[in-house]
Amino acid sequence: MKNWKVEVDGISHTVEYKKGFRNKVIIDGEVQKLKSSSSITNLIDYEICFGDTKCNLVVIGKEVDLAVNGVYLNKGTKYEPVSALPSWVLVLSAINILGGLLLTGVLGMCIGSLFSMLYIQASHKKKKGAVIMWFILSCILQVILAFGIVAMLS
């Protein structure tokens, strides 16, 4: 659970984020259910207003931060709205998962799924190089696993 205190016009407000089976934000004791905008990873950009102060609760995977008036409280960096996942990342993910399944079965599919989560998170952070690196590393591991299975069966 993460929590923040935001002071607006002399009034202290609390914002809490609880992750569980259902994601929740608790604003001054009032519970709101949150829904991820992605079916693959936890992706939330929830707007909260306290008078003229605009806050955004942003969740990308396991990272949670609150932006107040355009600045993240934990990181101190500028707030950028969370965008939808680029289609090329979804294509890489499908290639990785299905390719792993075809090459080595369920184990390869699991490797593809795990690495897909890593490069989807990198994509949300706008790190294209990391996306390509994770994809290539996953493919290499799947090919090594395939050769290992073939060698054991020979």
N, C-alpha and C. Protein backbone atom coordinates (compact mmCIF):
# COMPACT_ATOMS: atom_id res chain seq x y z
N MET A 1 0.85 -1.17 0.00
CA MET A 1 0.00 0.00 0.00
C MET A 1 0.90 1.24 0.00
N LYS A 2 0.57 2.18 -0.85
CA LYS A 2 1.27 3.47 -0.92
C LYS A 2 0.31 4.55 -0.46
N ASN A 3 0.84 5.54 0.24
CA ASN A 3 -0.02 6.65 0.63
C ASN A 3 0.74 7.97 0.55
N TRP A 4 -0.02 9.03 0.28
CA TRP A 4 0.52 10.38 0.15
C TRP A 4 -0.39 11.34 0.88
N LYS A 5 0.20 12.44 1.33
CA LYS A 5 -0.59 13.54 1.90
C LYS A 5 -0.41 14.74 0.98
N VAL A 6 -1.54 15.32 0.59
CA VAL A 6 -1.54 16.48 -0.30
C VAL A 6 -2.22 17.62 0.43
N GLU A 7 -1.52 18.75 0.57
CA GLU A 7 -2.09 19.91 1.25
C GLU A 7 -2.60 20.91 0.21
N VAL A 8 -3.88 21.24 0.32
CA VAL A 8 -4.50 22.18 -0.61
C VAL A 8 -5.29 23.20 0.20
N ASP A 9 -4.95 24.46 0.05
CA ASP A 9 -5.64 25.55 0.74
C ASP A 9 -5.71 25.31 2.26
N GLY A 10 -4.62 24.80 2.82
CA GLY A 10 -4.56 24.56 4.26
C GLY A 10 -5.25 23.30 4.73
N ILE A 11 -5.83 22.54 3.81
CA ILE A 11 -6.52 21.29 4.16
C ILE A 11 -5.66 20.12 3.69
N SER A 12 -5.40 19.19 4.60
CA SER A 12 -4.59 18.02 4.27
C SER A 12 -5.48 16.88 3.77
N HIS A 13 -5.16 16.38 2.60
CA HIS A 13 -5.90 15.26 2.00
C HIS A 13 -4.98 14.05 1.95
N THR A 14 -5.55 12.87 2.15
CA THR A 14 -4.76 11.64 2.04
C THR A 14 -5.21 10.85 0.82
N VAL A 15 -4.23 10.31 0.12
CA VAL A 15 -4.49 9.46 -1.03
C VAL A 15 -3.74 8.16 -0.79
N GLU A 16 -4.46 7.05 -0.79
CA GLU A 16 -3.85 5.73 -0.58
C GLU A 16 -4.18 4.84 -1.77
N TYR A 17 -3.20 4.03 -2.15
CA TYR A 17 -3.40 3.06 -3.23
C TYR A 17 -3.21 1.67 -2.66
N LYS A 18 -4.20 0.81 -2.85
CA LYS A 18 -4.13 -0.59 -2.40
C LYS A 18 -4.21 -1.50 -3.60
N LYS A 19 -3.22 -2.36 -3.72
CA LYS A 19 -3.22 -3.35 -4.79
C LYS A 19 -3.66 -4.68 -4.19
N GLY A 20 -4.49 -5.35 -4.90
CA GLY A 20 -4.97 -6.65 -4.46
C GLY A 20 -5.70 -7.28 -5.62
N PHE A 21 -6.69 -8.11 -5.31
CA PHE A 21 -7.49 -8.69 -6.37
C PHE A 21 -8.18 -7.58 -7.16
N ARG A 22 -8.59 -6.55 -6.45
CA ARG A 22 -9.15 -5.34 -7.07
C ARG A 22 -8.29 -4.16 -6.61
N ASN A 23 -7.86 -3.35 -7.56
CA ASN A 23 -7.09 -2.15 -7.22
C ASN A 23 -8.04 -1.10 -6.67
N LYS A 24 -7.59 -0.40 -5.62
CA LYS A 24 -8.44 0.62 -5.00
C LYS A 24 -7.61 1.85 -4.70
N VAL A 25 -8.26 2.99 -4.76
CA VAL A 25 -7.69 4.23 -4.27
C VAL A 25 -8.62 4.73 -3.16
N ILE A 26 -8.02 5.14 -2.06
CA ILE A 26 -8.80 5.65 -0.93
C ILE A 26 -8.44 7.12 -0.78
N ILE A 27 -9.42 7.98 -1.02
CA ILE A 27 -9.22 9.42 -0.97
C ILE A 27 -9.99 9.96 0.23
N ASP A 28 -9.25 10.43 1.22
CA ASP A 28 -9.85 10.95 2.47
C ASP A 28 -10.86 9.96 3.05
N GLY A 29 -10.50 8.68 3.01
CA GLY A 29 -11.36 7.63 3.59
C GLY A 29 -12.41 7.07 2.65
N GLU A 30 -12.59 7.66 1.49
CA GLU A 30 -13.59 7.20 0.52
C GLU A 30 -12.94 6.27 -0.49
N VAL A 31 -13.46 5.05 -0.60
CA VAL A 31 -12.87 4.02 -1.45
C VAL A 31 -13.41 4.12 -2.88
N GLN A 32 -12.50 4.09 -3.85
CA GLN A 32 -12.86 4.06 -5.27
C GLN A 32 -12.18 2.84 -5.89
N LYS A 33 -12.92 2.07 -6.67
CA LYS A 33 -12.32 0.93 -7.38
C LYS A 33 -11.65 1.44 -8.66
N LEU A 34 -10.52 0.85 -8.97
CA LEU A 34 -9.77 1.22 -10.16
C LEU A 34 -9.69 0.05 -11.11
N LYS A 35 -9.65 0.35 -12.39
CA LYS A 35 -9.54 -0.69 -13.40
C LYS A 35 -8.37 -0.36 -14.31
N SER A 36 -7.57 -1.36 -14.59
CA SER A 36 -6.43 -1.19 -15.48
C SER A 36 -6.92 -0.99 -16.91
N SER A 37 -6.27 -0.11 -17.64
CA SER A 37 -6.64 0.11 -19.03
C SER A 37 -5.95 -0.87 -19.97
N SER A 38 -5.15 -1.78 -19.41
CA SER A 38 -4.47 -2.80 -20.20
C SER A 38 -4.80 -4.17 -19.63
N SER A 39 -5.02 -5.12 -20.51
CA SER A 39 -5.30 -6.48 -20.04
C SER A 39 -4.01 -7.25 -19.78
N ILE A 40 -2.88 -6.71 -20.23
CA ILE A 40 -1.61 -7.41 -20.10
C ILE A 40 -0.86 -7.02 -18.84
N THR A 41 -0.83 -5.74 -18.54
CA THR A 41 -0.11 -5.25 -17.36
C THR A 41 -0.99 -4.27 -16.60
N ASN A 42 -0.63 -4.01 -15.36
CA ASN A 42 -1.38 -3.07 -14.55
C ASN A 42 -1.08 -1.66 -15.04
N LEU A 43 -2.05 -0.99 -15.61
CA LEU A 43 -1.86 0.33 -16.20
C LEU A 43 -3.04 1.23 -15.82
N ILE A 44 -2.76 2.18 -14.91
CA ILE A 44 -3.82 3.04 -14.39
C ILE A 44 -3.33 4.49 -14.41
N ASP A 45 -4.17 5.39 -14.85
CA ASP A 45 -3.93 6.83 -14.75
C ASP A 45 -5.25 7.44 -14.26
N TYR A 46 -5.36 7.65 -12.95
CA TYR A 46 -6.60 8.07 -12.32
C TYR A 46 -6.48 9.52 -11.87
N GLU A 47 -7.39 10.37 -12.36
CA GLU A 47 -7.34 11.79 -12.03
C GLU A 47 -8.15 12.09 -10.77
N ILE A 48 -7.55 12.90 -9.90
CA ILE A 48 -8.16 13.33 -8.64
C ILE A 48 -8.05 14.86 -8.58
N CYS A 49 -9.13 15.54 -8.25
CA CYS A 49 -9.08 16.99 -8.14
C CYS A 49 -9.44 17.41 -6.72
N PHE A 50 -8.61 18.28 -6.15
CA PHE A 50 -8.87 18.93 -4.86
C PHE A 50 -8.90 20.42 -5.14
N GLY A 51 -10.08 20.97 -5.40
CA GLY A 51 -10.17 22.38 -5.76
C GLY A 51 -9.46 22.64 -7.08
N ASP A 52 -8.48 23.54 -7.07
CA ASP A 52 -7.71 23.85 -8.27
C ASP A 52 -6.51 22.92 -8.45
N THR A 53 -6.25 22.07 -7.48
CA THR A 53 -5.10 21.17 -7.54
C THR A 53 -5.49 19.88 -8.24
N LYS A 54 -4.76 19.58 -9.30
CA LYS A 54 -5.03 18.37 -10.08
C LYS A 54 -3.98 17.32 -9.73
N CYS A 55 -4.44 16.13 -9.36
CA CYS A 55 -3.55 15.01 -9.03
C CYS A 55 -3.84 13.85 -9.97
N ASN A 56 -2.81 13.08 -10.27
CA ASN A 56 -2.96 11.88 -11.09
C ASN A 56 -2.26 10.72 -10.39
N LEU A 57 -3.02 9.70 -10.07
CA LEU A 57 -2.43 8.47 -9.55
C LEU A 57 -2.06 7.62 -10.75
N VAL A 58 -0.77 7.32 -10.87
CA VAL A 58 -0.27 6.58 -12.03
C VAL A 58 0.33 5.26 -11.56
N VAL A 59 -0.16 4.17 -12.15
CA VAL A 59 0.34 2.83 -11.84
C VAL A 59 0.76 2.19 -13.16
N ILE A 60 2.03 1.80 -13.23
CA ILE A 60 2.55 1.07 -14.39
C ILE A 60 3.24 -0.17 -13.84
N GLY A 61 2.60 -1.31 -14.00
CA GLY A 61 3.16 -2.55 -13.44
C GLY A 61 3.14 -2.48 -11.93
N LYS A 62 4.32 -2.54 -11.33
CA LYS A 62 4.42 -2.47 -9.87
C LYS A 62 4.74 -1.06 -9.38
N GLU A 63 5.07 -0.16 -10.30
CA GLU A 63 5.43 1.20 -9.92
C GLU A 63 4.18 2.05 -9.73
N VAL A 64 4.14 2.75 -8.59
CA VAL A 64 3.00 3.60 -8.26
C VAL A 64 3.53 4.97 -7.87
N ASP A 65 2.93 6.03 -8.39
CA ASP A 65 3.34 7.39 -8.02
C ASP A 65 2.13 8.32 -8.16
N LEU A 66 2.20 9.41 -7.43
CA LEU A 66 1.14 10.42 -7.48
C LEU A 66 1.74 11.70 -8.04
N ALA A 67 1.13 12.23 -9.09
CA ALA A 67 1.56 13.50 -9.65
C ALA A 67 0.62 14.59 -9.15
N VAL A 68 1.20 15.67 -8.62
CA VAL A 68 0.43 16.80 -8.14
C VAL A 68 0.82 18.02 -8.97
N ASN A 69 -0.16 18.60 -9.65
CA ASN A 69 0.06 19.75 -10.53
C ASN A 69 1.20 19.51 -11.52
N GLY A 70 1.22 18.31 -12.09
CA GLY A 70 2.17 18.00 -13.15
C GLY A 70 3.53 17.51 -12.73
N VAL A 71 3.75 17.22 -11.43
CA VAL A 71 5.04 16.74 -10.96
C VAL A 71 4.82 15.51 -10.07
N TYR A 72 5.56 14.43 -10.38
CA TYR A 72 5.47 13.23 -9.56
C TYR A 72 6.08 13.49 -8.19
N LEU A 73 5.40 13.05 -7.13
CA LEU A 73 5.90 13.27 -5.77
C LEU A 73 7.11 12.39 -5.45
N ASN A 74 7.09 11.12 -5.85
CA ASN A 74 8.20 10.22 -5.52
C ASN A 74 9.43 10.49 -6.37
N LYS A 75 9.24 10.65 -7.67
CA LYS A 75 10.36 10.82 -8.60
C LYS A 75 10.81 12.26 -8.75
N GLY A 76 9.88 13.21 -8.62
CA GLY A 76 10.20 14.60 -8.84
C GLY A 76 10.27 14.98 -10.31
N THR A 77 9.85 14.08 -11.20
CA THR A 77 9.88 14.35 -12.63
C THR A 77 8.52 14.85 -13.11
N LYS A 78 8.50 15.34 -14.34
CA LYS A 78 7.28 15.87 -14.93
C LYS A 78 6.29 14.75 -15.26
N TYR A 79 5.03 15.00 -14.99
CA TYR A 79 3.97 14.03 -15.30
C TYR A 79 3.70 14.00 -16.79
N GLU A 80 3.62 12.79 -17.33
CA GLU A 80 3.19 12.59 -18.71
C GLU A 80 2.03 11.60 -18.68
N PRO A 81 0.95 11.91 -19.39
CA PRO A 81 -0.19 10.98 -19.39
C PRO A 81 0.23 9.60 -19.89
N VAL A 82 -0.35 8.59 -19.29
CA VAL A 82 -0.05 7.22 -19.68
C VAL A 82 -0.78 6.93 -20.99
N SER A 83 -0.03 6.47 -21.96
CA SER A 83 -0.63 6.20 -23.27
C SER A 83 -0.92 4.71 -23.42
N ALA A 84 -1.67 4.41 -24.42
CA ALA A 84 -1.98 3.01 -24.73
C ALA A 84 -0.72 2.33 -25.26
N LEU A 85 -0.70 1.05 -25.21
CA LEU A 85 0.45 0.27 -25.65
C LEU A 85 0.57 0.34 -27.17
N PRO A 86 1.77 0.66 -27.68
CA PRO A 86 1.95 0.69 -29.14
C PRO A 86 1.70 -0.69 -29.75
N SER A 87 1.15 -0.71 -30.94
CA SER A 87 0.80 -1.98 -31.56
C SER A 87 2.02 -2.83 -31.86
N TRP A 88 3.18 -2.22 -32.17
CA TRP A 88 4.37 -3.01 -32.48
C TRP A 88 4.85 -3.80 -31.25
N VAL A 89 4.58 -3.28 -30.05
CA VAL A 89 4.96 -4.01 -28.84
C VAL A 89 4.04 -5.22 -28.67
N LEU A 90 2.76 -5.06 -28.98
CA LEU A 90 1.84 -6.19 -28.92
C LEU A 90 2.22 -7.27 -29.93
N VAL A 91 2.68 -6.87 -31.12
CA VAL A 91 3.13 -7.83 -32.13
C VAL A 91 4.35 -8.59 -31.62
N LEU A 92 5.32 -7.88 -31.02
CA LEU A 92 6.50 -8.55 -30.46
C LEU A 92 6.09 -9.53 -29.37
N SER A 93 5.14 -9.13 -28.55
CA SER A 93 4.66 -9.99 -27.48
C SER A 93 4.02 -11.26 -28.04
N ALA A 94 3.19 -11.12 -29.06
CA ALA A 94 2.53 -12.28 -29.67
C ALA A 94 3.57 -13.21 -30.31
N ILE A 95 4.54 -12.63 -31.01
CA ILE A 95 5.61 -13.44 -31.62
C ILE A 95 6.36 -14.21 -30.55
N ASN A 96 6.67 -13.52 -29.46
CA ASN A 96 7.44 -14.13 -28.38
C ASN A 96 6.68 -15.26 -27.70
N ILE A 97 5.43 -15.04 -27.40
CA ILE A 97 4.64 -16.06 -26.70
C ILE A 97 4.32 -17.24 -27.62
N LEU A 98 3.82 -16.96 -28.82
CA LEU A 98 3.48 -18.05 -29.75
C LEU A 98 4.72 -18.77 -30.26
N GLY A 99 5.80 -18.01 -30.52
CA GLY A 99 7.05 -18.64 -30.95
C GLY A 99 7.61 -19.56 -29.88
N GLY A 100 7.54 -19.12 -28.64
CA GLY A 100 7.99 -19.96 -27.53
C GLY A 100 7.16 -21.22 -27.41
N LEU A 101 5.85 -21.09 -27.60
CA LEU A 101 4.97 -22.25 -27.54
C LEU A 101 5.29 -23.24 -28.66
N LEU A 102 5.52 -22.75 -29.87
CA LEU A 102 5.82 -23.63 -31.00
C LEU A 102 7.20 -24.26 -30.89
N LEU A 103 8.18 -23.50 -30.38
CA LEU A 103 9.55 -24.03 -30.27
C LEU A 103 9.70 -25.05 -29.16
N THR A 104 9.23 -24.69 -27.96
CA THR A 104 9.53 -25.53 -26.80
C THR A 104 8.32 -25.86 -25.93
N GLY A 105 7.15 -25.53 -26.39
CA GLY A 105 5.96 -25.89 -25.62
C GLY A 105 5.66 -24.87 -24.53
N VAL A 106 5.08 -25.37 -23.47
CA VAL A 106 4.58 -24.50 -22.39
C VAL A 106 5.71 -23.72 -21.72
N LEU A 107 6.87 -24.35 -21.54
CA LEU A 107 7.99 -23.66 -20.90
C LEU A 107 8.43 -22.44 -21.72
N GLY A 108 8.52 -22.59 -23.03
CA GLY A 108 8.87 -21.47 -23.90
C GLY A 108 7.81 -20.39 -23.89
N MET A 109 6.54 -20.80 -23.81
CA MET A 109 5.46 -19.84 -23.73
C MET A 109 5.55 -19.05 -22.42
N CYS A 110 5.90 -19.72 -21.32
CA CYS A 110 6.06 -19.02 -20.04
C CYS A 110 7.21 -18.02 -20.09
N ILE A 111 8.32 -18.42 -20.71
CA ILE A 111 9.45 -17.50 -20.87
C ILE A 111 9.01 -16.29 -21.70
N GLY A 112 8.30 -16.53 -22.79
CA GLY A 112 7.80 -15.44 -23.62
C GLY A 112 6.86 -14.52 -22.87
N SER A 113 5.99 -15.10 -22.05
CA SER A 113 5.04 -14.29 -21.27
C SER A 113 5.75 -13.43 -20.24
N LEU A 114 6.72 -14.02 -19.53
CA LEU A 114 7.45 -13.27 -18.51
C LEU A 114 8.23 -12.11 -19.13
N PHE A 115 8.93 -12.39 -20.23
CA PHE A 115 9.70 -11.33 -20.87
C PHE A 115 8.78 -10.30 -21.52
N SER A 116 7.61 -10.73 -21.99
CA SER A 116 6.65 -9.78 -22.55
C SER A 116 6.24 -8.74 -21.51
N MET A 117 6.03 -9.18 -20.28
CA MET A 117 5.68 -8.24 -19.21
C MET A 117 6.80 -7.23 -18.99
N LEU A 118 8.06 -7.70 -19.07
CA LEU A 118 9.19 -6.78 -18.88
C LEU A 118 9.25 -5.73 -19.97
N TYR A 119 9.09 -6.15 -21.24
CA TYR A 119 9.22 -5.12 -22.26
C TYR A 119 7.96 -4.31 -22.47
N ILE A 120 6.84 -4.78 -21.99
CA ILE A 120 5.65 -3.93 -22.00
C ILE A 120 5.82 -2.80 -20.98
N GLN A 121 6.38 -3.13 -19.81
CA GLN A 121 6.66 -2.09 -18.82
C GLN A 121 7.68 -1.10 -19.35
N ALA A 122 8.72 -1.60 -20.04
CA ALA A 122 9.72 -0.70 -20.63
C ALA A 122 9.08 0.20 -21.68
N SER A 123 8.12 -0.33 -22.42
CA SER A 123 7.44 0.46 -23.44
C SER A 123 6.66 1.61 -22.81
N HIS A 124 6.01 1.36 -21.68
CA HIS A 124 5.26 2.42 -21.01
C HIS A 124 6.18 3.51 -20.48
N LYS A 125 7.43 3.14 -20.22
CA LYS A 125 8.41 4.13 -19.77
C LYS A 125 9.11 4.79 -20.94
N LYS A 126 8.64 4.48 -22.16
CA LYS A 126 9.16 5.04 -23.40
C LYS A 126 10.63 4.69 -23.64
N LYS A 127 11.01 3.45 -23.30
CA LYS A 127 12.38 2.97 -23.49
C LYS A 127 12.39 1.92 -24.60
N LYS A 128 12.48 2.38 -25.85
CA LYS A 128 12.41 1.47 -26.99
C LYS A 128 13.60 0.52 -27.02
N GLY A 129 14.78 0.99 -26.65
CA GLY A 129 15.97 0.15 -26.64
C GLY A 129 15.81 -1.02 -25.68
N ALA A 130 15.23 -0.77 -24.52
CA ALA A 130 15.01 -1.83 -23.54
C ALA A 130 13.99 -2.84 -24.05
N VAL A 131 12.97 -2.37 -24.77
CA VAL A 131 11.97 -3.26 -25.35
C VAL A 131 12.64 -4.25 -26.31
N ILE A 132 13.46 -3.71 -27.21
CA ILE A 132 14.15 -4.56 -28.19
C ILE A 132 15.12 -5.51 -27.49
N MET A 133 15.84 -5.01 -26.47
CA MET A 133 16.80 -5.85 -25.74
C MET A 133 16.09 -7.03 -25.06
N TRP A 134 14.98 -6.77 -24.36
CA TRP A 134 14.25 -7.84 -23.67
C TRP A 134 13.69 -8.85 -24.69
N PHE A 135 13.20 -8.35 -25.83
CA PHE A 135 12.66 -9.24 -26.85
C PHE A 135 13.76 -10.16 -27.39
N ILE A 136 14.91 -9.59 -27.73
CA ILE A 136 16.02 -10.39 -28.27
C ILE A 136 16.52 -11.39 -27.23
N LEU A 137 16.66 -10.95 -25.98
CA LEU A 137 17.11 -11.86 -24.92
C LEU A 137 16.14 -13.02 -24.74
N SER A 138 14.86 -12.73 -24.79
CA SER A 138 13.86 -13.78 -24.65
C SER A 138 13.94 -14.78 -25.81
N CYS A 139 14.09 -14.26 -27.03
CA CYS A 139 14.21 -15.14 -28.20
C CYS A 139 15.45 -16.04 -28.09
N ILE A 140 16.56 -15.46 -27.65
CA ILE A 140 17.79 -16.24 -27.48
C ILE A 140 17.58 -17.35 -26.45
N LEU A 141 16.95 -17.03 -25.33
CA LEU A 141 16.69 -18.06 -24.31
C LEU A 141 15.78 -19.16 -24.84
N GLN A 142 14.78 -18.80 -25.62
CA GLN A 142 13.88 -19.80 -26.17
C GLN A 142 14.60 -20.70 -27.17
N VAL A 143 15.49 -20.14 -27.99
CA VAL A 143 16.24 -20.95 -28.95
C VAL A 143 17.21 -21.87 -28.23
N ILE A 144 17.90 -21.37 -27.19
CA ILE A 144 18.80 -22.21 -26.39
C ILE A 144 18.03 -23.35 -25.75
N LEU A 145 16.86 -23.04 -25.23
CA LEU A 145 16.01 -24.08 -24.63
C LEU A 145 15.59 -25.11 -25.67
N ALA A 146 15.26 -24.66 -26.87
CA ALA A 146 14.86 -25.58 -27.94
C ALA A 146 16.01 -26.51 -28.30
N PHE A 147 17.25 -25.97 -28.46
CA PHE A 147 18.41 -26.80 -28.75
C PHE A 147 18.69 -27.77 -27.60
N GLY A 148 18.48 -27.31 -26.36
CA GLY A 148 18.69 -28.19 -25.21
C GLY A 148 17.71 -29.35 -25.21
N ILE A 149 16.47 -29.08 -25.54
CA ILE A 149 15.45 -30.15 -25.60
C ILE A 149 15.78 -31.14 -26.71
N VAL A 150 16.19 -30.61 -27.87
CA VAL A 150 16.55 -31.49 -29.00
C VAL A 150 17.76 -32.35 -28.61
N ALA A 151 18.74 -31.76 -27.95
CA ALA A 151 19.94 -32.52 -27.55
C ALA A 151 19.60 -33.60 -26.54
N MET A 152 18.66 -33.33 -25.63
CA MET A 152 18.28 -34.34 -24.64
C MET A 152 17.50 -35.48 -25.28
N LEU A 153 16.72 -35.17 -26.32
CA LEU A 153 15.92 -36.19 -26.95
C LEU A 153 16.72 -37.03 -27.96
N SER A 154 17.90 -36.55 -28.35
CA SER A 154 18.71 -37.28 -29.35
C SER A 154 19.50 -38.40 -28.71
